[in-house]
Amino acid sequence: MACQGSLSPRSRDAERSVAARTGENGEVGDGKIFVIGVEDAVRIRTGEHGPETVRHGVRAMWGH
């Protein structure tokens, strides 16, 4: 789960809570959530940098 833009501390806590609950099935291997800062994003194909590189223009293509 990734979030874009800035969130209030309450929103960040809520997002982490939802991720933790929905990712838990009570089995070994449920995993961990790492919350880290991102310095930059690079679109490899074009060499672009910045937040626009993580936005998809066509949502219908996600998962393909």
Protein backbone atom coordinates (compact mmCIF):
# COMPACT_ATOMS: atom_id res chain seq x y z
CA MET A 1 0.00 0.00 0.00
CA ALA A 2 1.45 3.32 -0.95
CA CYS A 3 0.17 6.75 -0.24
CA GLN A 4 0.85 9.84 -2.25
CA GLY A 5 0.91 13.41 -1.03
CA SER A 6 0.96 14.51 2.56
CA LEU A 7 -1.32 13.03 5.18
CA SER A 8 -2.08 14.24 8.66
CA PRO A 9 -0.62 12.11 11.47
CA ARG A 10 -4.11 10.71 12.17
CA SER A 11 -4.53 9.73 8.51
CA ARG A 12 -1.14 8.01 8.50
CA ASP A 13 -2.02 6.07 11.65
CA ALA A 14 -5.37 5.03 10.16
CA GLU A 15 -3.70 3.88 6.93
CA ARG A 16 -1.18 1.77 8.85
CA SER A 17 -3.93 0.28 11.00
CA VAL A 18 -5.99 -0.73 7.95
CA ALA A 19 -2.92 -2.22 6.26
CA ALA A 20 -2.06 -4.22 9.38
CA ARG A 21 -5.61 -5.56 9.84
CA THR A 22 -6.22 -6.46 6.20
CA GLY A 23 -2.83 -8.12 5.82
CA GLU A 24 -3.27 -10.34 8.87
CA ASN A 25 -4.59 -13.87 8.56
CA GLY A 26 -3.21 -15.32 11.79
CA GLU A 27 -0.58 -17.42 10.03
CA VAL A 28 3.19 -17.39 10.09
CA GLY A 29 4.36 -15.09 7.33
CA ASP A 30 1.74 -12.38 7.83
CA GLY A 31 4.66 -10.06 7.29
CA LYS A 32 5.72 -6.63 8.38
CA ILE A 33 4.90 -3.09 7.36
CA PHE A 34 7.87 -0.79 6.81
CA VAL A 35 7.10 2.93 6.91
CA ILE A 36 9.90 4.86 5.28
CA GLY A 37 10.47 8.19 3.66
CA VAL A 38 10.97 8.37 -0.08
CA GLU A 39 13.55 10.83 -1.36
CA ASP A 40 12.76 10.60 -5.05
CA ALA A 41 11.07 8.47 -7.68
CA VAL A 42 12.49 7.84 -11.14
CA ARG A 43 10.57 6.62 -14.18
CA ILE A 44 13.15 4.35 -15.78
CA ARG A 45 11.68 4.54 -19.29
CA THR A 46 11.94 8.36 -19.54
CA GLY A 47 14.38 9.34 -16.81
CA GLU A 48 11.80 11.66 -15.22
CA HIS A 49 12.11 12.40 -11.49
CA GLY A 50 9.52 13.43 -8.93
CA PRO A 51 5.98 12.68 -7.77
CA GLU A 52 4.51 12.57 -11.27
CA THR A 53 6.50 9.40 -11.96
CA VAL A 54 4.33 7.35 -9.57
CA ARG A 55 0.99 8.46 -10.97
CA HIS A 56 -0.64 6.22 -13.56
CA GLY A 57 -2.40 7.86 -16.47
CA VAL A 58 -4.64 4.90 -17.26
CA ARG A 59 -6.00 3.14 -14.19
CA ALA A 60 -7.65 0.42 -16.28
CA MET A 61 -4.19 -0.97 -17.05
CA TRP A 62 -3.25 -1.56 -13.39
CA GLY A 63 -2.49 -5.17 -12.67
CA HIS A 64 -1.75 -6.07 -16.29
